[in-house]
Amino acid sequence: MIKLVAIDMDGTLLNSKKELLEETKQYFRDFHKKGTETLLVLCTGRPESGIRPYLKDLGYLEENHYIISQNGANIYESQTGKRVMDAFVDSKAIQKWIELGKTHGISVMGAGVGYYYSFDEDPTEWMEFDVKIVSGKLKRITIEDSLSTNFYKLLLLGDEEQLNEFETFIPQEWRDEFYVVRSQKYLVEVLTKGVNKAFGLEQLAKELNIQPSEIAAIGDAANDIEMLEYAGLAIAMGNASEEVKAVSDIVTDTNENNGVIKAIDQLIQ
């Protein structure tokens, strides 16, 4: 029996306009009201600020639900906002990433508790673009202050061509030292080695005494792959990348056509 379904947000639960379909809202609210034993857990790269606007429509505020955020580096409770688990990246170790980004004209931000932090004098268009998507708050931070600040991850932003070129300059030993993922065309994320959506999901599963074989995961992008490989049942969205489909057991419909709720219906029949 599937006891937990881990669900990505962007490109999965949300459509291309970053909206919830009306059928999705109703389905989730009804699902929670039924008191079904299976848990629906949001598992996203977004921070808490970027998840909050959707919670009421999904019925996650009427009682407490666990949410995995920051690409697996944080778990918190939907109703209380209480942080259950944090996995911060080493603030000193990421300094070389900041320098590499600046050298190649890449925008660099740190994702902290409650804030995004800019290492540039002025926010760039890419910073403002990403922060707006997740309803975040952006602060300027000095390198000196960053050494004593907790960051879940580092974000390196630029247009697709810029980042394609930038990735060729990342030393392999850095990739071995950190978890590095191209989560969006415009975004490379850097977290502590081993910290990803699978890590967050595993921490929660242990807390709830749920086995991987009792977990299904639904996703569409590169930062979902570890989560899909960890879960007993891996479900790719119809709009997922080919690399995601390759590691999945099932391919459901797209994020424009209720792919998530169609997949959940299949699981709990």
Protein backbone atom coordinates (compact mmCIF):
# COMPACT_ATOMS: atom_id res chain seq x y z
CA MET A 1 0.00 0.00 0.00
CA ILE A 2 1.21 3.50 -0.82
CA LYS A 3 1.27 5.50 2.43
CA LEU A 4 2.91 8.68 1.14
CA VAL A 5 2.93 10.48 -2.20
CA ALA A 6 5.72 13.06 -2.63
CA ILE A 7 4.68 15.73 -5.13
CA ASP A 8 6.85 18.31 -6.86
CA MET A 9 5.28 21.71 -7.51
CA ASP A 10 6.73 23.60 -10.50
CA GLY A 11 6.04 21.70 -13.71
CA THR A 12 4.12 19.06 -11.77
CA LEU A 13 1.38 20.29 -9.45
CA LEU A 14 1.42 23.80 -10.96
CA ASN A 15 0.69 24.56 -14.59
CA SER A 16 2.98 26.60 -16.84
CA LYS A 17 1.52 29.82 -15.39
CA LYS A 18 2.49 28.71 -11.85
CA GLU A 19 -1.20 28.21 -11.05
CA LEU A 20 -3.25 25.40 -9.55
CA LEU A 21 -5.95 24.02 -11.81
CA GLU A 22 -9.42 24.25 -10.24
CA GLU A 23 -9.77 20.45 -10.40
CA THR A 24 -6.51 20.12 -8.46
CA LYS A 25 -7.70 22.42 -5.68
CA GLN A 26 -10.98 20.56 -5.27
CA TYR A 27 -9.34 17.15 -5.45
CA PHE A 28 -6.81 17.90 -2.71
CA ARG A 29 -9.41 19.48 -0.40
CA ASP A 30 -11.72 16.50 -0.84
CA PHE A 31 -8.84 14.08 -0.38
CA HIS A 32 -7.92 15.59 2.99
CA LYS A 33 -11.55 15.71 4.15
CA LYS A 34 -11.98 12.00 3.45
CA GLY A 35 -9.29 11.26 6.00
CA THR A 36 -7.49 8.93 3.60
CA GLU A 37 -4.52 7.21 5.22
CA THR A 38 -2.21 8.11 2.33
CA LEU A 39 -0.31 11.36 2.90
CA LEU A 40 0.12 13.89 0.10
CA VAL A 41 3.44 15.64 0.78
CA LEU A 42 4.63 18.63 -1.23
CA CYS A 43 8.32 18.19 -2.05
CA THR A 44 9.70 21.24 -3.79
CA GLY A 45 12.71 23.44 -4.41
CA ARG A 46 10.64 26.44 -3.35
CA PRO A 47 11.09 28.19 0.01
CA GLU A 48 8.24 28.46 2.49
CA SER A 49 7.24 31.87 1.06
CA GLY A 50 6.73 30.32 -2.37
CA ILE A 51 4.59 27.49 -1.02
CA ARG A 52 2.38 29.46 1.37
CA PRO A 53 0.13 31.10 -1.29
CA TYR A 54 -1.09 27.66 -2.43
CA LEU A 55 -1.72 25.97 0.90
CA LYS A 56 -5.23 27.22 1.61
CA ASP A 57 -6.51 26.22 -1.82
CA LEU A 58 -5.03 22.75 -1.35
CA GLY A 59 -6.52 22.26 2.12
CA TYR A 60 -3.16 22.17 3.91
CA LEU A 61 -4.06 24.75 6.55
CA GLU A 62 -7.06 23.02 8.11
CA GLU A 63 -4.74 20.58 9.84
CA ASN A 64 -0.99 20.08 10.08
CA HIS A 65 0.86 18.56 7.13
CA TYR A 66 4.57 18.06 6.61
CA ILE A 67 6.12 19.94 3.69
CA ILE A 68 9.57 19.35 2.21
CA SER A 69 11.05 22.59 0.86
CA GLN A 70 14.36 24.04 -0.35
CA ASN A 71 15.04 21.00 -2.53
CA GLY A 72 15.07 18.68 0.48
CA ALA A 73 17.09 20.88 2.85
CA ASN A 74 14.09 21.78 5.03
CA ILE A 75 10.98 20.12 6.43
CA TYR A 76 8.30 22.20 8.14
CA GLU A 77 4.70 21.97 9.34
CA SER A 78 2.08 23.63 7.12
CA GLN A 79 -0.18 24.91 9.88
CA THR A 80 2.32 26.07 12.49
CA GLY A 81 5.29 26.89 10.23
CA LYS A 82 7.50 25.01 12.70
CA ARG A 83 10.79 23.88 11.16
CA VAL A 84 11.28 20.18 11.76
CA MET A 85 14.57 19.68 9.89
CA ASP A 86 17.22 21.97 8.42
CA ALA A 87 20.28 20.97 6.38
CA PHE A 88 22.41 24.05 5.82
CA VAL A 89 25.30 24.27 3.39
CA ASP A 90 28.77 25.18 4.71
CA SER A 91 28.93 28.99 4.43
CA LYS A 92 32.71 28.99 4.13
CA ALA A 93 32.83 26.23 1.52
CA ILE A 94 30.46 28.03 -0.87
CA GLN A 95 32.63 31.16 -1.11
CA LYS A 96 34.46 29.73 -4.12
CA TRP A 97 31.13 29.30 -5.91
CA ILE A 98 30.32 32.94 -5.31
CA GLU A 99 33.65 33.97 -6.82
CA LEU A 100 33.24 31.64 -9.80
CA GLY A 101 29.77 33.00 -10.49
CA LYS A 102 30.93 36.61 -10.34
CA THR A 103 33.90 35.87 -12.59
CA HIS A 104 31.57 34.59 -15.30
CA GLY A 105 28.84 37.22 -14.92
CA ILE A 106 26.37 34.89 -13.21
CA SER A 107 23.93 36.23 -10.59
CA VAL A 108 24.52 34.57 -7.21
CA MET A 109 22.06 34.37 -4.30
CA GLY A 110 21.94 32.47 -1.04
CA ALA A 111 18.64 30.95 0.13
CA GLY A 112 18.41 31.43 3.89
CA VAL A 113 15.72 31.16 6.55
CA GLY A 114 13.06 33.65 5.53
CA TYR A 115 15.21 35.56 3.05
CA TYR A 116 17.17 35.39 -0.16
CA TYR A 117 20.55 37.08 0.03
CA SER A 118 22.29 38.90 -2.82
CA PHE A 119 26.08 38.94 -2.93
CA ASP A 120 25.99 41.79 -5.46
CA GLU A 121 25.71 45.50 -4.65
CA ASP A 122 22.42 45.69 -6.54
CA PRO A 123 19.92 42.92 -7.31
CA THR A 124 20.09 41.71 -10.90
CA GLU A 125 17.07 41.10 -13.11
CA TRP A 126 17.51 37.34 -12.66
CA MET A 127 17.47 37.66 -8.88
CA GLU A 128 14.32 39.76 -8.96
CA PHE A 129 12.71 37.33 -11.42
CA ASP A 130 13.34 34.27 -9.25
CA VAL A 131 12.46 35.97 -5.96
CA LYS A 132 9.17 37.22 -7.42
CA ILE A 133 8.17 33.69 -8.50
CA VAL A 134 8.45 32.44 -4.92
CA SER A 135 7.10 35.59 -3.19
CA GLY A 136 10.45 35.91 -1.44
CA LYS A 137 12.31 38.75 0.26
CA LEU A 138 15.74 39.78 -0.99
CA LYS A 139 18.50 41.29 1.17
CA ARG A 140 22.00 42.49 0.34
CA ILE A 141 24.70 40.63 2.27
CA THR A 142 28.45 41.17 2.51
CA ILE A 143 30.87 38.30 2.11
CA GLU A 144 31.93 38.82 5.74
CA ASP A 145 28.36 38.52 7.04
CA SER A 146 27.67 35.53 4.80
CA LEU A 147 30.25 33.50 6.71
CA SER A 148 27.99 33.51 9.79
CA THR A 149 24.66 33.15 7.95
CA ASN A 150 22.77 29.88 7.46
CA PHE A 151 22.01 29.03 3.84
CA TYR A 152 20.00 26.08 2.61
CA LYS A 153 21.52 26.44 -0.84
CA LEU A 154 23.26 28.71 -3.29
CA LEU A 155 21.47 29.81 -6.47
CA LEU A 156 23.36 30.71 -9.64
CA LEU A 157 21.17 32.45 -12.20
CA GLY A 158 21.44 33.52 -15.82
CA ASP A 159 19.95 32.91 -19.23
CA GLU A 160 20.11 29.39 -20.65
CA GLU A 161 23.11 30.02 -22.89
CA GLN A 162 25.04 31.73 -20.07
CA LEU A 163 24.47 28.82 -17.70
CA ASN A 164 25.32 26.22 -20.35
CA GLU A 165 28.70 27.89 -20.72
CA PHE A 166 29.10 28.45 -16.97
CA GLU A 167 28.58 24.76 -16.24
CA THR A 168 31.62 23.91 -18.36
CA PHE A 169 33.76 25.92 -15.91
CA ILE A 170 32.60 24.01 -12.81
CA PRO A 171 35.47 21.73 -11.70
CA GLN A 172 34.51 18.06 -11.37
CA GLU A 173 35.89 18.00 -7.82
CA TRP A 174 33.37 20.71 -6.88
CA ARG A 175 30.56 18.56 -8.26
CA ASP A 176 31.91 15.70 -6.14
CA GLU A 177 32.01 17.93 -3.06
CA PHE A 178 28.46 19.35 -3.34
CA TYR A 179 25.06 18.42 -4.71
CA VAL A 180 24.83 20.46 -7.92
CA VAL A 181 21.68 20.46 -10.04
CA ARG A 182 20.29 22.44 -12.99
CA SER A 183 16.75 22.69 -11.62
CA GLN A 184 15.54 25.22 -14.22
CA LYS A 185 16.92 26.46 -17.54
CA TYR A 186 17.91 29.67 -15.77
CA LEU A 187 19.05 28.17 -12.45
CA VAL A 188 21.84 26.02 -11.01
CA GLU A 189 21.49 25.09 -7.33
CA VAL A 190 24.29 24.09 -4.96
CA LEU A 191 23.53 22.20 -1.73
CA THR A 192 25.42 20.07 0.76
CA LYS A 193 26.54 16.77 -0.79
CA GLY A 194 23.76 14.22 -0.32
CA VAL A 195 21.08 16.84 0.35
CA ASN A 196 18.35 16.67 -2.28
CA LYS A 197 14.65 15.82 -2.41
CA ALA A 198 15.39 12.16 -1.69
CA PHE A 199 17.26 13.19 1.47
CA GLY A 200 14.34 15.26 2.76
CA LEU A 201 11.89 12.52 1.86
CA GLU A 202 14.00 9.88 3.61
CA GLN A 203 14.22 11.98 6.81
CA LEU A 204 10.44 12.39 6.85
CA ALA A 205 9.81 8.73 6.04
CA LYS A 206 11.99 7.65 8.98
CA GLU A 207 10.10 10.03 11.27
CA LEU A 208 6.78 8.54 10.14
CA ASN A 209 8.06 4.94 10.03
CA ILE A 210 7.26 4.62 6.33
CA GLN A 211 9.33 2.39 4.05
CA PRO A 212 10.53 3.48 0.57
CA SER A 213 8.37 0.71 -0.91
CA GLU A 214 5.34 2.50 0.57
CA ILE A 215 6.20 5.80 -1.14
CA ALA A 216 5.30 7.14 -4.59
CA ALA A 217 6.90 10.26 -6.03
CA ILE A 218 5.75 12.51 -8.87
CA GLY A 219 8.05 14.93 -10.70
CA ASP A 220 9.21 16.43 -13.97
CA ALA A 221 12.73 17.86 -13.70
CA ALA A 222 16.36 17.02 -12.93
CA ASN A 223 16.05 17.90 -9.24
CA ASP A 224 13.30 15.26 -8.90
CA ILE A 225 15.45 12.35 -10.09
CA GLU A 226 16.89 11.32 -6.70
CA MET A 227 13.41 11.45 -5.16
CA LEU A 228 12.00 9.29 -7.95
CA GLU A 229 14.84 6.79 -7.55
CA TYR A 230 14.28 6.62 -3.78
CA ALA A 231 10.53 6.04 -3.95
CA GLY A 232 9.08 2.58 -4.44
CA LEU A 233 7.00 3.92 -7.32
CA ALA A 234 8.32 6.68 -9.59
CA ILE A 235 5.85 8.69 -11.66
CA ALA A 236 6.94 11.14 -14.35
CA MET A 237 4.72 13.90 -15.64
CA GLY A 238 3.80 13.81 -19.32
CA ASN A 239 5.74 17.06 -19.71
CA ALA A 240 8.81 15.69 -17.87
CA SER A 241 12.28 15.66 -19.36
CA GLU A 242 13.44 12.45 -21.02
CA GLU A 243 15.97 11.84 -18.24
CA VAL A 244 13.13 11.92 -15.69
CA LYS A 245 10.95 9.58 -17.73
CA ALA A 246 13.89 7.19 -18.03
CA VAL A 247 14.04 6.63 -14.24
CA SER A 248 10.25 6.42 -13.78
CA ASP A 249 7.91 3.44 -13.64
CA ILE A 250 4.87 5.30 -14.95
CA VAL A 251 4.27 8.39 -17.09
CA THR A 252 1.07 10.26 -16.24
CA ASP A 253 -0.62 13.17 -18.05
CA THR A 254 0.87 16.68 -18.20
CA ASN A 255 0.71 19.50 -15.67
CA GLU A 256 -1.80 21.25 -17.95
CA ASN A 257 -4.13 18.25 -17.89
CA ASN A 258 -4.43 17.08 -14.25
CA GLY A 259 -1.51 14.65 -14.43
CA VAL A 260 -1.01 14.62 -10.65
CA ILE A 261 -4.57 13.80 -9.68
CA LYS A 262 -4.83 11.16 -12.41
CA ALA A 263 -1.72 9.50 -10.98
CA ILE A 264 -3.00 9.63 -7.39
CA ASP A 265 -6.33 8.14 -8.48
CA GLN A 266 -4.47 5.20 -9.99
CA LEU A 267 -2.52 4.68 -6.78
CA ILE A 268 -5.46 4.55 -4.39
CA GLN A 269 -8.00 2.63 -6.46
